[in-house]
Amino acid sequence: GKRKRSSTSVLYDSDESEDSDILVRKVFAKRHCIMDEDESSEEQQPDKTCPTENVSTTRKQNVLAKLKELAKQRATRRSCSSEDCEDSNGEAEIEEEPLCHLSLTPTEVSETDSDSMKDFIVEEDDDDNPEHVKSENQPQQKELNTSNSELLAYYVPHLSRCDHYVHFKRIVRAFLINAIDDTFLSSLYDGTRQKKYAQDMLLSLHYLDDRFIQPRLENLISRSRWKDRYKERVDCYPDVRIILKNPKNISCQACELNRYCKFNVLLSGKLYNSRTLEADDFMSDDKQVLKVGVVCANRTRVYHNLKHFKYKLYVDCSSITELDGVEDEPVKDTVERLFSQLEDSGWIQKRYNDLEGYMNDADSFQEEK
């Protein structure tokens, strides 16, 4: 059976004599008690649980107070429009955020507290539904792309997005106008014409030079061993003929390296202005014959086709206007009529395909071995 023992107090006398005047100190000896379960549960349980409940209750109250304070700070940050207010609230949110991870039972959170915690609850249903996320992000993404393209077209007009064939048709129309009125291109570049159609033509001309032709020409030159003198000659003469001859082991006149040179490069034509495309009659019959190797000959053909494409296109447009027999017609009507004829016959598309072929040749040209 279970025995019940009560704790006994032992009185120790510092002096064993009963008549001593020295004060007696009582010392209670601590002994373990074996008690019944009912009595132990009734007597010892309050002593053990009360401190724990008090600590947990205090801790939860502190957490609720912190959450309320954080909710107020978040509401204040939403209404605050200054950057300083946003920074201070952001720091407070970072400091207090770990407290939100403590678990609270529904009975311990009041209705006002649950309302304040709605700002900190993330619903997983929207994250798990990709269609919902996509539908919310698409309008914002579309607006962002639209604004970026508008800003790009405004601040960097040469890089505005437009179909390449649209640019090419604008250039053909501008060349037809200049073939009739030889001051049109010069007035475009000096800023005299400010109408929208003229600005669009100027934009397309810049696009042809800066995006289509010039980067590829620079790439061809940077990967070659051409001398500057040979490059200047190819740039100045709009006509070229590459003729196969008997090979000779001599110095190539393009790169000045010893090669089996079996090609003659015949350069001719009038010097012209790269913007207004006005030809110069000075030494119009001048010609240059240069002996080059096979690699330099191929590079010359690719480089020359792309370099003088715009001038050749303008010469063709001028020839078309000269062959037109209609007189006493407004320039606008003449240009529209000729442009429609060229577009219907497929002439514009053919010349655009030639340009694409020249660009592809420049892009696929291999480096010299």
Protein backbone atom coordinates (compact mmCIF):
# COMPACT_ATOMS: atom_id res chain seq x y z
CA GLY A 1 0.00 0.00 0.00
CA LYS A 2 0.93 3.61 -0.25
CA ARG A 3 2.35 5.28 2.75
CA LYS A 4 1.72 8.85 3.61
CA ARG A 5 4.43 10.81 5.26
CA SER A 6 4.36 14.37 6.30
CA SER A 7 7.36 16.58 6.29
CA THR A 8 8.78 17.05 9.75
CA SER A 9 10.64 20.04 10.92
CA VAL A 10 13.79 19.54 12.87
CA LEU A 11 14.86 22.11 15.33
CA TYR A 12 18.56 22.54 15.66
CA ASP A 13 20.02 24.37 18.54
CA SER A 14 23.28 26.07 17.95
CA ASP A 15 24.09 25.36 21.58
CA GLU A 16 22.94 22.10 23.15
CA SER A 17 22.41 23.77 26.49
CA GLU A 18 18.81 24.74 27.34
CA ASP A 19 19.91 27.64 29.48
CA SER A 20 21.97 29.28 26.79
CA ASP A 21 21.09 32.85 25.86
CA ILE A 22 22.14 32.35 22.29
CA LEU A 23 19.35 32.68 19.81
CA VAL A 24 18.05 29.47 18.37
CA ARG A 25 17.87 29.17 14.59
CA LYS A 26 15.20 26.92 13.11
CA VAL A 27 16.21 24.95 10.08
CA PHE A 28 13.64 22.88 8.24
CA ALA A 29 15.06 19.83 6.53
CA LYS A 30 13.66 19.21 3.08
CA ARG A 31 12.50 15.71 2.37
CA HIS A 32 10.75 14.22 -0.63
CA CYS A 33 7.14 13.38 -0.02
CA ILE A 34 5.23 10.50 -1.43
CA MET A 35 1.60 11.43 -1.66
CA ASP A 36 -1.54 10.07 -3.19
CA GLU A 37 -2.35 10.91 -6.81
CA ASP A 38 -5.52 12.81 -5.98
CA GLU A 39 -3.83 14.96 -3.39
CA SER A 40 -0.76 15.53 -5.57
CA SER A 41 -2.90 16.55 -8.54
CA GLU A 42 -4.88 18.94 -6.39
CA GLU A 43 -1.96 20.38 -4.48
CA GLN A 44 1.04 20.36 -6.84
CA GLN A 45 -0.62 21.11 -10.19
CA PRO A 46 -1.54 24.71 -9.39
CA ASP A 47 2.03 25.36 -8.32
CA LYS A 48 3.41 24.06 -11.65
CA THR A 49 0.88 25.40 -14.14
CA CYS A 50 0.24 28.86 -12.83
CA PRO A 51 3.67 30.34 -13.69
CA THR A 52 3.57 28.80 -17.17
CA GLU A 53 0.11 30.09 -17.91
CA ASN A 54 1.07 33.51 -16.69
CA VAL A 55 4.17 33.58 -18.93
CA SER A 56 2.35 32.33 -22.00
CA THR A 57 -0.53 34.75 -21.46
CA THR A 58 1.86 37.64 -21.05
CA ARG A 59 3.75 36.60 -24.14
CA LYS A 60 0.61 36.34 -26.22
CA GLN A 61 -0.58 39.70 -25.01
CA ASN A 62 2.74 41.17 -26.05
CA VAL A 63 2.40 39.56 -29.47
CA LEU A 64 -1.11 40.95 -29.91
CA ALA A 65 0.07 44.37 -28.87
CA LYS A 66 2.91 44.19 -31.36
CA LEU A 67 0.54 43.09 -34.12
CA LYS A 68 -1.81 45.96 -33.38
CA GLU A 69 1.07 48.38 -33.42
CA LEU A 70 2.34 46.92 -36.69
CA ALA A 71 -1.13 47.19 -38.27
CA LYS A 72 -1.29 50.84 -37.28
CA GLN A 73 2.15 51.45 -38.71
CA ARG A 74 1.20 49.76 -41.97
CA ALA A 75 -1.97 51.84 -42.26
CA THR A 76 0.07 54.95 -41.58
CA ARG A 77 2.57 53.96 -44.24
CA ARG A 78 -0.18 53.54 -46.83
CA SER A 79 -1.47 57.04 -46.17
CA CYS A 80 2.00 58.53 -46.11
CA SER A 81 3.26 59.85 -49.45
CA SER A 82 6.77 60.93 -48.48
CA GLU A 83 9.81 58.68 -48.89
CA ASP A 84 11.00 59.27 -45.32
CA CYS A 85 7.74 57.94 -43.95
CA GLU A 86 8.00 54.86 -46.15
CA ASP A 87 11.56 54.15 -45.02
CA SER A 88 10.77 54.42 -41.31
CA ASN A 89 7.70 52.22 -41.56
CA GLY A 90 9.62 49.73 -43.67
CA GLU A 91 12.27 49.42 -40.96
CA ALA A 92 9.62 48.91 -38.32
CA GLU A 93 7.96 46.28 -40.43
CA ILE A 94 11.23 44.42 -40.88
CA GLU A 95 11.92 44.46 -37.15
CA GLU A 96 8.47 43.30 -36.13
CA GLU A 97 7.82 40.80 -38.91
CA PRO A 98 9.30 37.71 -37.17
CA LEU A 99 6.71 38.06 -34.40
CA CYS A 100 3.97 37.21 -36.85
CA HIS A 101 5.13 33.60 -37.05
CA LEU A 102 4.00 32.76 -33.50
CA SER A 103 0.99 30.46 -33.45
CA LEU A 104 -2.21 31.72 -31.85
CA THR A 105 -5.40 29.81 -31.31
CA PRO A 106 -8.69 31.24 -32.63
CA THR A 107 -9.98 31.79 -29.12
CA GLU A 108 -6.98 33.87 -28.20
CA VAL A 109 -7.42 36.31 -31.09
CA SER A 110 -10.26 38.77 -30.97
CA GLU A 111 -12.28 39.94 -33.92
CA THR A 112 -10.47 43.25 -34.11
CA ASP A 113 -7.14 41.45 -34.01
CA SER A 114 -8.18 39.10 -36.81
CA ASP A 115 -9.20 42.08 -38.91
CA SER A 116 -5.85 43.73 -38.35
CA MET A 117 -4.05 40.51 -39.31
CA LYS A 118 -5.73 40.38 -42.71
CA ASP A 119 -2.96 42.58 -44.02
CA PHE A 120 -0.43 39.91 -43.10
CA ILE A 121 -2.29 36.88 -44.47
CA VAL A 122 -1.37 35.69 -47.96
CA GLU A 123 -3.97 33.59 -49.74
CA GLU A 124 -2.45 30.62 -51.53
CA ASP A 125 -5.36 30.13 -53.93
CA ASP A 126 -4.27 33.02 -56.17
CA ASP A 127 -0.67 31.84 -56.21
CA ASP A 128 -1.68 28.32 -57.15
CA ASN A 129 -3.79 29.54 -60.06
CA PRO A 130 -1.48 30.62 -62.91
CA GLU A 131 -4.37 31.88 -65.00
CA HIS A 132 -5.35 34.31 -62.26
CA VAL A 133 -1.82 35.62 -61.94
CA LYS A 134 -1.49 35.88 -65.71
CA SER A 135 -4.73 37.81 -66.04
CA GLU A 136 -3.59 40.32 -63.45
CA ASN A 137 -0.11 40.75 -64.87
CA GLN A 138 -1.04 41.03 -68.55
CA PRO A 139 -2.64 44.52 -68.42
CA GLN A 140 0.27 45.92 -66.41
CA GLN A 141 2.82 44.29 -68.71
CA LYS A 142 1.02 45.61 -71.77
CA GLU A 143 0.91 49.14 -70.38
CA LEU A 144 4.61 48.90 -69.48
CA ASN A 145 5.59 47.75 -72.96
CA THR A 146 3.48 50.44 -74.55
CA SER A 147 5.02 53.17 -72.44
CA ASN A 148 8.54 51.90 -73.12
CA SER A 149 8.00 51.86 -76.87
CA GLU A 150 6.55 55.37 -76.78
CA LEU A 151 9.47 56.65 -74.73
CA LEU A 152 11.93 54.92 -77.05
CA ALA A 153 10.32 56.47 -80.11
CA TYR A 154 10.33 59.91 -78.49
CA TYR A 155 13.85 60.04 -77.05
CA VAL A 156 15.62 57.77 -79.56
CA PRO A 157 13.67 58.17 -82.81
CA HIS A 158 16.25 56.23 -84.83
CA LEU A 159 15.42 53.11 -82.84
CA SER A 160 11.65 53.29 -83.04
CA ARG A 161 9.96 50.04 -83.96
CA CYS A 162 8.51 49.83 -87.44
CA ASP A 163 8.34 47.19 -90.13
CA HIS A 164 11.46 47.19 -92.29
CA TYR A 165 9.46 47.13 -95.49
CA VAL A 166 7.53 50.22 -94.34
CA HIS A 167 10.85 52.05 -93.90
CA PHE A 168 11.93 50.94 -97.34
CA LYS A 169 8.74 52.20 -99.04
CA ARG A 170 9.17 55.59 -97.36
CA ILE A 171 12.70 55.79 -98.74
CA VAL A 172 11.52 54.99 -102.26
CA ARG A 173 8.86 57.70 -102.00
CA ALA A 174 11.45 60.22 -100.77
CA PHE A 175 13.77 59.36 -103.67
CA LEU A 176 10.95 59.84 -106.17
CA ILE A 177 10.22 63.27 -104.73
CA ASN A 178 13.89 64.26 -104.78
CA ALA A 179 14.23 63.07 -108.36
CA ILE A 180 11.63 65.67 -109.31
CA ASP A 181 12.61 68.31 -106.71
CA ASP A 182 16.35 67.99 -106.10
CA THR A 183 16.17 70.10 -102.90
CA PHE A 184 13.92 67.70 -100.99
CA LEU A 185 16.60 65.55 -99.32
CA SER A 186 18.74 68.52 -98.35
CA SER A 187 15.70 70.21 -96.77
CA LEU A 188 15.00 67.02 -94.81
CA TYR A 189 18.47 66.87 -93.28
CA ASP A 190 18.76 70.57 -92.49
CA GLY A 191 15.39 70.53 -90.66
CA THR A 192 13.49 72.82 -93.01
CA ARG A 193 10.60 70.39 -93.47
CA GLN A 194 8.77 69.67 -90.23
CA LYS A 195 5.62 67.93 -91.43
CA LYS A 196 4.95 64.42 -90.23
CA TYR A 197 5.41 62.70 -93.58
CA ALA A 198 8.80 64.41 -94.01
CA GLN A 199 9.89 63.45 -90.49
CA ASP A 200 8.88 59.85 -91.14
CA MET A 201 10.97 59.79 -94.30
CA LEU A 202 13.95 61.23 -92.45
CA LEU A 203 13.52 58.61 -89.75
CA SER A 204 13.52 55.84 -92.34
CA LEU A 205 16.64 57.22 -94.02
CA HIS A 206 18.45 57.22 -90.68
CA TYR A 207 17.18 53.72 -90.05
CA LEU A 208 18.61 52.50 -93.36
CA ASP A 209 22.00 54.06 -92.69
CA ASP A 210 22.38 53.45 -88.96
CA ARG A 211 20.70 50.08 -88.58
CA PHE A 212 20.96 48.29 -91.92
CA ILE A 213 24.13 49.40 -93.64
CA GLN A 214 26.70 51.02 -91.36
CA PRO A 215 26.99 48.32 -88.63
CA ARG A 216 27.61 45.64 -91.26
CA LEU A 217 30.19 47.74 -93.06
CA GLU A 218 32.06 48.30 -89.82
CA ASN A 219 31.94 44.58 -89.09
CA LEU A 220 33.40 43.75 -92.50
CA ILE A 221 36.22 46.24 -92.05
CA SER A 222 37.05 45.26 -88.47
CA ARG A 223 37.47 41.61 -89.46
CA SER A 224 39.65 42.35 -92.49
CA ARG A 225 43.22 43.37 -93.12
CA TRP A 226 42.36 46.05 -95.59
CA LYS A 227 44.49 49.14 -95.69
CA ASP A 228 42.80 52.50 -95.27
CA ARG A 229 43.77 53.58 -98.76
CA TYR A 230 41.97 50.65 -100.38
CA LYS A 231 38.86 51.19 -98.24
CA GLU A 232 38.71 54.87 -99.25
CA ARG A 233 38.86 53.92 -102.90
CA VAL A 234 36.00 51.44 -102.56
CA ASP A 235 33.96 54.10 -100.70
CA CYS A 236 34.46 56.77 -103.35
CA TYR A 237 33.55 54.86 -106.50
CA PRO A 238 29.92 53.75 -106.85
CA ASP A 239 30.58 51.30 -109.69
CA VAL A 240 32.70 48.16 -109.45
CA ARG A 241 33.60 45.26 -111.72
CA ILE A 242 35.54 42.23 -110.47
CA ILE A 243 37.29 40.44 -113.33
CA LEU A 244 39.04 37.06 -113.14
CA LYS A 245 42.62 37.14 -114.49
CA ASN A 246 45.63 34.88 -114.51
CA PRO A 247 46.91 34.34 -110.95
CA LYS A 248 50.14 36.00 -109.89
CA ASN A 249 52.05 35.57 -106.65
CA ILE A 250 52.29 39.24 -105.73
CA SER A 251 51.32 41.58 -102.91
CA CYS A 252 47.56 42.07 -102.69
CA GLN A 253 46.69 45.74 -103.16
CA ALA A 254 43.91 45.49 -100.59
CA CYS A 255 45.70 43.89 -97.61
CA GLU A 256 49.32 44.16 -98.90
CA LEU A 257 50.03 40.50 -98.11
CA ASN A 258 51.61 38.03 -100.53
CA ARG A 259 48.81 36.15 -102.23
CA TYR A 260 47.99 34.39 -105.47
CA CYS A 261 46.10 37.38 -106.84
CA LYS A 262 43.84 36.43 -109.72
CA PHE A 263 41.19 39.19 -109.59
CA ASN A 264 41.18 42.71 -110.94
CA VAL A 265 38.90 45.18 -109.14
CA LEU A 266 37.79 47.93 -111.53
CA LEU A 267 36.39 50.98 -109.68
CA SER A 268 34.62 53.82 -111.50
CA GLY A 269 31.77 56.31 -111.24
CA LYS A 270 31.16 59.76 -109.86
CA LEU A 271 31.74 60.81 -106.29
CA TYR A 272 28.45 61.73 -104.54
CA ASN A 273 27.14 63.18 -101.30
CA SER A 274 26.05 60.42 -98.90
CA ARG A 275 23.02 62.40 -97.69
CA THR A 276 21.68 64.44 -100.58
CA LEU A 277 23.00 61.86 -103.10
CA GLU A 278 24.08 64.70 -105.38
CA ALA A 279 26.81 63.56 -107.76
CA ASP A 280 30.06 65.46 -108.30
CA ASP A 281 31.22 65.81 -111.89
CA PHE A 282 34.87 66.38 -110.95
CA MET A 283 37.02 63.67 -112.58
CA SER A 284 33.92 61.72 -113.54
CA ASP A 285 35.86 59.46 -115.89
CA ASP A 286 38.46 58.46 -113.30
CA LYS A 287 39.03 54.71 -112.86
CA GLN A 288 41.07 52.50 -110.57
CA VAL A 289 42.29 48.96 -111.34
CA LEU A 290 43.57 46.96 -108.37
CA LYS A 291 44.96 43.44 -108.21
CA VAL A 292 43.64 41.48 -105.21
CA GLY A 293 43.36 37.95 -103.88
CA VAL A 294 40.26 35.82 -103.75
CA VAL A 295 39.26 36.71 -100.18
CA CYS A 296 39.69 40.44 -100.69
CA ALA A 297 37.79 40.23 -103.97
CA ASN A 298 34.81 38.56 -102.30
CA ARG A 299 34.90 41.04 -99.45
CA THR A 300 35.02 43.93 -101.91
CA ARG A 301 31.91 42.64 -103.69
CA VAL A 302 29.94 42.27 -100.43
CA TYR A 303 31.15 45.59 -99.03
CA HIS A 304 30.54 47.57 -102.21
CA ASN A 305 27.01 46.23 -102.76
CA LEU A 306 25.95 47.35 -99.29
CA LYS A 307 27.91 50.60 -99.25
CA HIS A 308 26.43 52.01 -102.47
CA PHE A 309 22.98 50.41 -102.36
CA LYS A 310 21.21 53.63 -101.37
CA TYR A 311 22.83 55.60 -104.17
CA LYS A 312 22.02 52.92 -106.73
CA LEU A 313 18.40 52.90 -105.57
CA TYR A 314 18.20 56.66 -105.99
CA VAL A 315 19.69 56.47 -109.48
CA ASP A 316 17.03 53.92 -110.45
CA CYS A 317 14.25 56.12 -109.06
CA SER A 318 15.62 59.09 -110.99
CA SER A 319 15.64 57.05 -114.18
CA ILE A 320 11.98 56.11 -113.65
CA THR A 321 10.94 59.75 -113.24
CA GLU A 322 12.91 60.76 -116.33
CA LEU A 323 11.17 58.12 -118.44
CA ASP A 324 7.74 59.30 -117.29
CA GLY A 325 6.18 61.26 -120.12
CA VAL A 326 3.50 63.05 -118.10
CA GLU A 327 4.03 66.81 -117.81
CA ASP A 328 2.25 69.66 -116.04
CA GLU A 329 1.27 67.46 -113.11
CA PRO A 330 1.68 68.30 -109.43
CA VAL A 331 4.66 66.65 -107.79
CA LYS A 332 2.49 64.88 -105.23
CA ASP A 333 0.26 63.33 -107.89
CA THR A 334 3.23 62.24 -109.98
CA VAL A 335 4.94 60.60 -107.01
CA GLU A 336 1.79 58.78 -105.94
CA ARG A 337 1.16 57.52 -109.46
CA LEU A 338 4.73 56.29 -109.99
CA PHE A 339 4.86 54.76 -106.53
CA SER A 340 1.65 52.82 -107.15
CA GLN A 341 3.01 51.52 -110.45
CA LEU A 342 6.26 50.37 -108.84
CA GLU A 343 4.46 48.69 -105.98
CA ASP A 344 1.95 46.93 -108.21
CA SER A 345 4.66 45.63 -110.53
CA GLY A 346 6.68 44.22 -107.62
CA TRP A 347 9.68 46.47 -108.30
CA ILE A 348 9.83 47.80 -104.71
CA GLN A 349 9.62 44.31 -103.26
CA LYS A 350 12.39 43.10 -105.56
CA ARG A 351 14.73 45.89 -104.51
CA TYR A 352 13.95 45.23 -100.88
CA ASN A 353 14.83 41.57 -101.40
CA ASP A 354 18.14 42.67 -102.94
CA LEU A 355 18.88 44.69 -99.80
CA GLU A 356 18.13 41.72 -97.57
CA GLY A 357 20.40 39.55 -99.70
CA TYR A 358 23.27 42.04 -99.36
CA MET A 359 22.79 42.18 -95.59
CA ASN A 360 22.77 38.40 -95.32
CA ASP A 361 25.98 38.20 -97.35
CA ALA A 362 27.63 40.66 -94.98
CA ASP A 363 26.42 38.79 -91.91
CA SER A 364 27.60 35.39 -93.16
CA PHE A 365 30.97 36.51 -94.53
CA GLN A 366 33.79 34.51 -92.96
CA GLU A 367 36.97 35.92 -91.49
CA GLU A 368 40.21 35.74 -93.41
CA LYS A 369 42.28 32.65 -92.73
